[in-house]
């Protein structure tokens, strides 16, 4: 009769082999997905410049950093990039000129953000937009490490009196070139990272915008117009959808800063209706596209956040 220890050892070896085999299978699927998606260091023409220079307000400086989603990979004109769309849209919303500088890089990970900020160390932006996380997922960067690096970048910008808006990691589980079961794993990893990003960046003083749903139902049902030629990066219409939830957050952060400066001596008289712990807010944002999560501005409010939900039509 087999000894209990021998049975346990055999079971352990068998389960270890199963895990190793499954991990090897996932690695193989990842390589196939990367081959299907392809890679390129090409980027659109630079969108840097001033938008709405005939408008009356004070010029707003916007820094855009992050990965290919911030660059606008796949676009052939500067006007079709997210940075240019933000410049044009924000100028109309704020009725002021908007100067944009994009230092995002195709293939960038969260660890590259500090270098991108270094490139504009002699330029003082009013607000920074960060879109990053996809490459951390595809390169299996530990979510905790990725979130910590993001928080470091946010703190650096906030310390320089710069508002920060972050579009969190999109849901990679709906990207067609990624096959099952890797797609399910990618969905879990990307959603987990988005939650961790939200907690870390809000506690660091930034404003989070959930982008998860932008690769959800709308992109799945209308992938013919929402995705670009590689079926991984958004098309111009897809980028416009992303920008549509980012501009309100950028405008809100600038207006809140101006309001805080104007009423710095007045204490708030009521508690925000949707105030909740940052972790709960992050969980809700990961399930609802376009949701903003903002740190509670009251003294000692670092662990609390306000959830700003998009109004649903219909």
Protein backbone atom coordinates (compact mmCIF):
# COMPACT_ATOMS: atom_id res chain seq x y z
CA UNK A 1 0.00 0.00 0.00
CA UNK A 2 1.54 3.37 -1.00
CA UNK A 3 2.74 5.55 1.82
CA UNK A 4 0.87 8.84 2.42
CA UNK A 5 4.04 10.89 1.87
CA UNK A 6 4.69 9.18 -1.46
CA UNK A 7 1.08 9.84 -2.55
CA UNK A 8 1.39 13.51 -1.56
CA UNK A 9 4.72 13.84 -3.37
CA UNK A 10 3.29 12.24 -6.51
CA UNK A 11 0.26 14.54 -6.41
CA UNK A 12 2.48 17.58 -5.91
CA UNK A 13 4.70 16.62 -8.83
CA UNK A 14 1.64 16.00 -10.99
CA UNK A 15 0.04 19.34 -10.10
CA UNK A 16 3.36 21.11 -10.62
CA UNK A 17 3.66 19.61 -14.07
CA UNK A 18 0.09 20.69 -14.86
CA UNK A 19 0.76 24.28 -13.77
CA UNK A 20 4.05 24.37 -15.68
CA UNK A 21 2.35 22.98 -18.76
CA UNK A 22 -0.47 25.50 -18.55
CA UNK A 23 2.00 28.36 -18.03
CA UNK A 24 3.97 27.18 -21.07
CA UNK A 25 0.73 27.09 -23.05
CA UNK A 26 -0.06 30.68 -22.02
CA UNK A 27 3.42 31.81 -23.03
CA UNK A 28 2.91 30.19 -26.42
CA UNK A 29 -0.47 31.89 -26.81
CA UNK A 30 1.10 35.22 -25.86
CA UNK A 31 3.77 34.83 -28.53
CA UNK A 32 1.12 34.01 -31.14
CA UNK A 33 -0.91 37.04 -30.08
CA UNK A 34 2.08 39.36 -30.33
CA UNK A 35 2.85 37.97 -33.78
CA UNK A 36 -0.76 38.56 -34.87
CA UNK A 37 -0.82 42.08 -33.46
CA UNK A 38 2.65 42.96 -34.66
CA UNK A 39 4.87 45.70 -33.31
CA UNK A 40 6.25 48.94 -34.62
CA UNK A 41 8.09 51.99 -33.34
CA UNK A 42 6.32 54.19 -35.88
CA UNK A 43 4.27 57.03 -34.46
CA UNK A 44 1.97 59.65 -35.98
CA UNK A 45 3.19 63.16 -36.81
CA UNK A 46 3.74 65.20 -33.66
CA UNK A 47 0.57 66.77 -32.23
CA UNK A 48 2.59 69.28 -30.18
CA UNK A 49 1.34 72.83 -30.52
CA UNK A 50 -1.26 75.36 -29.41
CA UNK A 51 -4.95 74.67 -30.10
CA UNK A 52 -7.55 77.44 -30.03
CA UNK A 53 -4.94 80.20 -30.05
CA UNK A 54 -7.66 82.75 -30.89
CA UNK A 55 -9.59 82.05 -27.68
CA UNK A 56 -9.52 84.63 -24.87
CA UNK A 57 -8.49 82.65 -21.78
CA UNK A 58 -5.07 81.97 -20.30
CA UNK A 59 -3.18 79.24 -22.15
CA UNK A 60 -3.53 75.82 -20.50
CA UNK A 61 -0.53 73.53 -20.71
CA UNK A 62 -1.29 69.81 -21.12
CA UNK A 63 1.33 67.07 -20.92
CA UNK A 64 0.41 63.66 -22.39
CA UNK A 65 2.52 60.67 -21.35
CA UNK A 66 2.15 56.89 -21.41
CA UNK A 67 2.00 54.21 -24.09
CA UNK A 68 0.68 53.71 -27.63
CA UNK A 69 -2.90 54.58 -26.62
CA UNK A 70 -1.65 58.03 -25.59
CA UNK A 71 0.46 58.32 -28.75
CA UNK A 72 -2.42 57.37 -31.04
CA UNK A 73 -0.66 54.43 -32.66
CA UNK A 74 -1.96 53.76 -36.16
CA UNK A 75 -2.97 57.33 -36.96
CA UNK A 76 -1.40 58.96 -40.00
CA UNK A 77 -2.18 62.61 -39.20
CA UNK A 78 -1.53 64.65 -36.07
CA UNK A 79 -5.17 65.77 -35.91
CA UNK A 80 -6.35 62.16 -35.46
CA UNK A 81 -4.24 61.52 -32.36
CA UNK A 82 -5.68 61.60 -28.81
CA UNK A 83 -3.36 64.50 -27.90
CA UNK A 84 -4.71 66.69 -30.71
CA UNK A 85 -8.32 65.70 -29.94
CA UNK A 86 -7.72 66.69 -26.33
CA UNK A 87 -6.17 69.99 -27.39
CA UNK A 88 -9.11 70.85 -29.65
CA UNK A 89 -11.83 69.60 -27.29
CA UNK A 90 -10.40 71.09 -24.11
CA UNK A 91 -9.89 74.48 -25.79
CA UNK A 92 -13.61 74.62 -26.61
CA UNK A 93 -14.68 73.39 -23.16
CA UNK A 94 -12.43 75.80 -21.25
CA UNK A 95 -12.72 78.65 -23.80
CA UNK A 96 -8.96 79.06 -23.67
CA UNK A 97 -5.91 78.17 -25.77
CA UNK A 98 -4.43 74.76 -24.99
CA UNK A 99 -0.76 73.97 -25.51
CA UNK A 100 -0.10 70.25 -25.82
CA UNK A 101 3.13 68.30 -25.50
CA UNK A 102 3.02 64.54 -26.03
CA UNK A 103 5.95 62.50 -24.73
CA UNK A 104 4.22 59.12 -24.73
CA UNK A 105 6.07 56.23 -26.41
CA UNK A 106 4.79 53.17 -28.26
CA UNK A 107 5.43 50.10 -26.13
CA UNK A 108 6.06 52.09 -22.94
CA UNK A 109 5.48 50.57 -19.53
CA UNK A 110 4.77 52.36 -16.27
CA UNK A 111 8.50 52.24 -15.48
CA UNK A 112 9.07 54.63 -18.43
CA UNK A 113 6.91 57.46 -17.07
CA UNK A 114 9.68 59.16 -15.10
CA UNK A 115 11.87 59.40 -18.21
CA UNK A 116 8.99 60.92 -20.16
CA UNK A 117 8.48 63.53 -17.42
CA UNK A 118 12.22 64.27 -17.46
CA UNK A 119 11.93 65.31 -21.10
CA UNK A 120 9.81 68.32 -20.11
CA UNK A 121 11.55 69.19 -16.85
CA UNK A 122 11.90 72.81 -18.00
CA UNK A 123 8.19 73.08 -18.92
CA UNK A 124 5.50 73.51 -16.27
CA UNK A 125 2.25 71.80 -17.33
CA UNK A 126 -1.06 72.70 -15.70
CA UNK A 127 -2.36 69.16 -16.11
CA UNK A 128 -0.90 65.82 -17.16
CA UNK A 129 -2.80 63.00 -18.83
CA UNK A 130 -1.41 59.50 -18.36
CA UNK A 131 -2.64 56.43 -20.27
CA UNK A 132 -0.57 53.37 -19.38
CA UNK A 133 -0.81 49.76 -18.23
CA UNK A 134 -1.43 47.58 -21.27
CA UNK A 135 2.24 46.76 -21.77
CA UNK A 136 2.65 46.03 -18.06
CA UNK A 137 -0.01 43.34 -18.49
CA UNK A 138 1.47 41.86 -21.66
CA UNK A 139 4.96 41.83 -20.10
CA UNK A 140 3.64 40.37 -16.82
CA UNK A 141 4.83 43.19 -14.58
CA UNK A 142 3.61 42.59 -11.02
CA UNK A 143 0.46 44.74 -10.51
CA UNK A 144 1.76 46.02 -7.17
CA UNK A 145 5.01 47.15 -8.78
CA UNK A 146 3.18 48.82 -11.66
CA UNK A 147 0.78 50.64 -9.32
CA UNK A 148 3.64 51.84 -7.11
CA UNK A 149 5.56 53.24 -10.08
CA UNK A 150 2.43 55.02 -11.28
CA UNK A 151 1.91 56.56 -7.84
CA UNK A 152 5.52 57.78 -7.83
CA UNK A 153 5.00 59.55 -11.16
CA UNK A 154 1.71 61.08 -9.98
CA UNK A 155 3.29 62.35 -6.75
CA UNK A 156 6.12 63.96 -8.70
CA UNK A 157 3.69 65.83 -10.94
CA UNK A 158 1.38 66.82 -8.07
CA UNK A 159 4.38 68.14 -6.12
CA UNK A 160 5.08 70.42 -9.10
CA UNK A 161 1.52 71.84 -8.82
CA UNK A 162 0.31 69.85 -11.82
CA UNK A 163 -3.13 68.23 -11.92
CA UNK A 164 -3.02 64.57 -12.98
CA UNK A 165 -5.66 62.53 -14.81
CA UNK A 166 -5.02 58.84 -15.48
CA UNK A 167 -6.89 56.61 -17.91
CA UNK A 168 -6.56 53.21 -16.23
CA UNK A 169 -5.69 49.98 -18.02
CA UNK A 170 -8.33 48.89 -20.56
CA UNK A 171 -9.92 45.44 -20.43
CA UNK A 172 -7.74 43.26 -22.67
CA UNK A 173 -10.16 40.38 -22.45
CA UNK A 174 -12.06 41.61 -25.50
CA UNK A 175 -9.11 41.94 -27.87
CA UNK A 176 -9.72 39.47 -30.70
CA UNK A 177 -6.07 38.53 -31.57
CA UNK A 178 -5.66 37.28 -27.98
CA UNK A 179 -7.10 33.76 -27.97
CA UNK A 180 -8.66 31.81 -25.13
CA UNK A 181 -7.68 30.91 -22.45
CA UNK A 182 -5.10 33.71 -22.55
CA UNK A 183 -7.88 36.23 -23.18
CA UNK A 184 -9.57 35.31 -19.89
CA UNK A 185 -6.25 35.62 -18.06
CA UNK A 186 -5.57 38.98 -19.73
CA UNK A 187 -9.01 40.20 -18.65
CA UNK A 188 -8.38 39.25 -15.03
CA UNK A 189 -4.88 40.78 -15.02
CA UNK A 190 -5.94 44.02 -16.69
CA UNK A 191 -8.94 44.52 -14.37
CA UNK A 192 -6.80 43.76 -11.34
CA UNK A 193 -4.17 46.26 -12.48
CA UNK A 194 -6.83 48.92 -13.14
CA UNK A 195 -8.11 48.55 -9.57
CA UNK A 196 -4.62 48.76 -8.12
CA UNK A 197 -3.80 51.76 -10.32
CA UNK A 198 -6.91 53.57 -9.12
CA UNK A 199 -6.13 53.04 -5.44
CA UNK A 200 -2.48 54.07 -5.81
CA UNK A 201 -2.97 57.14 -7.99
CA UNK A 202 -5.96 58.54 -6.10
CA UNK A 203 -4.07 58.25 -2.82
CA UNK A 204 -1.18 60.05 -4.55
CA UNK A 205 -3.49 62.94 -5.50
CA UNK A 206 -4.48 62.07 -9.07
CA UNK A 207 -7.88 61.58 -10.72
CA UNK A 208 -8.70 58.16 -12.17
CA UNK A 209 -10.90 57.51 -15.20
CA UNK A 210 -11.97 53.93 -15.87
CA UNK A 211 -11.25 52.99 -19.49
CA UNK A 212 -12.07 49.29 -19.06
CA UNK A 213 -15.43 49.47 -20.76
CA UNK A 214 -13.97 51.19 -23.81
CA UNK A 215 -12.80 47.76 -24.94
CA UNK A 216 -16.08 46.27 -23.81
CA UNK A 217 -19.50 46.05 -25.35
CA UNK A 218 -19.15 49.00 -27.73
CA UNK A 219 -15.80 47.81 -29.08
CA UNK A 220 -17.06 44.24 -29.37
CA UNK A 221 -20.28 45.13 -31.17
CA UNK A 222 -18.72 47.76 -33.45
CA UNK A 223 -15.20 46.44 -33.79
CA UNK A 224 -15.32 47.16 -37.52
CA UNK A 225 -15.10 50.88 -36.76
CA UNK A 226 -13.68 50.93 -33.22
CA UNK A 227 -10.48 48.98 -33.86
CA UNK A 228 -7.64 49.79 -36.22
CA UNK A 229 -6.09 47.53 -38.84
CA UNK A 230 -4.21 45.43 -36.26
CA UNK A 231 -7.44 44.66 -34.34
CA UNK A 232 -5.62 45.63 -31.13
CA UNK A 233 -5.17 49.40 -31.13
CA UNK A 234 -8.20 51.69 -31.52
CA UNK A 235 -9.16 53.34 -34.78
CA UNK A 236 -9.64 57.11 -34.98
CA UNK A 237 -13.24 56.56 -33.85
CA UNK A 238 -12.01 54.36 -31.02
CA UNK A 239 -9.55 57.00 -29.85
CA UNK A 240 -12.32 59.61 -30.02
CA UNK A 241 -14.39 57.45 -27.65
CA UNK A 242 -11.47 57.29 -25.23
CA UNK A 243 -10.95 61.04 -25.39
CA UNK A 244 -14.67 61.65 -24.83
CA UNK A 245 -14.39 60.39 -21.25
CA UNK A 246 -11.01 61.97 -20.58
CA UNK A 247 -11.78 65.59 -21.52
CA UNK A 248 -14.50 66.02 -18.84
CA UNK A 249 -12.08 64.70 -16.22
CA UNK A 250 -9.30 67.04 -17.35
CA UNK A 251 -11.67 70.02 -17.39
CA UNK A 252 -13.04 69.08 -13.96
CA UNK A 253 -9.56 68.84 -12.46
CA UNK A 254 -8.64 72.30 -13.79
CA UNK A 255 -11.88 73.87 -12.57
CA UNK A 256 -11.57 72.24 -9.16
CA UNK A 257 -8.04 73.60 -8.85
CA UNK A 258 -9.23 77.10 -9.75
CA UNK A 259 -12.16 76.81 -7.34
CA UNK A 260 -9.90 75.60 -4.52
CA UNK A 261 -7.56 78.52 -5.09
CA UNK A 262 -10.44 81.01 -5.04
CA UNK A 263 -12.03 79.58 -1.88
CA UNK A 264 -8.94 78.34 -0.07
CA UNK A 265 -10.04 79.89 3.23
CA UNK A 266 -13.48 78.25 3.25
CA UNK A 267 -14.03 74.76 4.67
CA UNK A 268 -16.51 72.42 2.91
CA UNK A 269 -19.93 72.38 4.60
CA UNK A 270 -21.19 69.02 3.38
CA UNK A 271 -19.92 65.52 2.62
CA UNK A 272 -19.92 64.48 -1.06
CA UNK A 273 -22.87 62.19 -1.80
CA UNK A 274 -20.75 59.43 -3.30
CA UNK A 275 -17.90 59.46 -0.77
CA UNK A 276 -16.51 55.98 -0.11
CA UNK A 277 -13.20 54.24 0.69
CA UNK A 278 -10.71 54.40 -2.19
CA UNK A 279 -10.67 50.60 -2.55
CA UNK A 280 -14.45 50.45 -2.91
CA UNK A 281 -14.35 53.31 -5.41
CA UNK A 282 -11.68 51.49 -7.42
CA UNK A 283 -13.79 48.32 -7.54
CA UNK A 284 -16.81 50.25 -8.78
CA UNK A 285 -14.78 52.12 -11.41
CA UNK A 286 -13.35 48.87 -12.79
CA UNK A 287 -16.90 47.75 -13.62
CA UNK A 288 -18.18 51.03 -15.10
CA UNK A 289 -16.53 52.66 -18.09
CA UNK A 290 -15.69 56.33 -17.81
CA UNK A 291 -16.19 56.49 -14.04
CA UNK A 292 -13.98 59.08 -12.37
CA UNK A 293 -12.46 58.53 -8.93
CA UNK A 294 -11.21 61.63 -7.12
CA UNK A 295 -9.48 61.91 -3.77
CA UNK A 296 -11.51 63.52 -1.01
CA UNK A 297 -10.06 66.99 -0.55
CA UNK A 298 -10.92 67.41 3.12
CA UNK A 299 -8.17 67.17 5.78
CA UNK A 300 -7.28 63.54 6.38
CA UNK A 301 -9.26 62.42 3.35
CA UNK A 302 -6.45 60.58 1.59
CA UNK A 303 -8.09 57.16 2.02
CA UNK A 304 -11.49 58.39 0.85
CA UNK A 305 -12.68 59.21 -2.65
CA UNK A 306 -15.65 60.57 -4.53
CA UNK A 307 -17.08 58.53 -7.42
CA UNK A 308 -18.34 60.54 -10.40
CA UNK A 309 -20.45 58.33 -12.64
CA UNK A 310 -21.26 58.92 -16.29
CA UNK A 311 -24.94 59.43 -16.93
CA UNK A 312 -26.38 56.64 -19.04
CA UNK A 313 -28.63 57.59 -21.93
CA UNK A 314 -31.82 55.58 -22.43
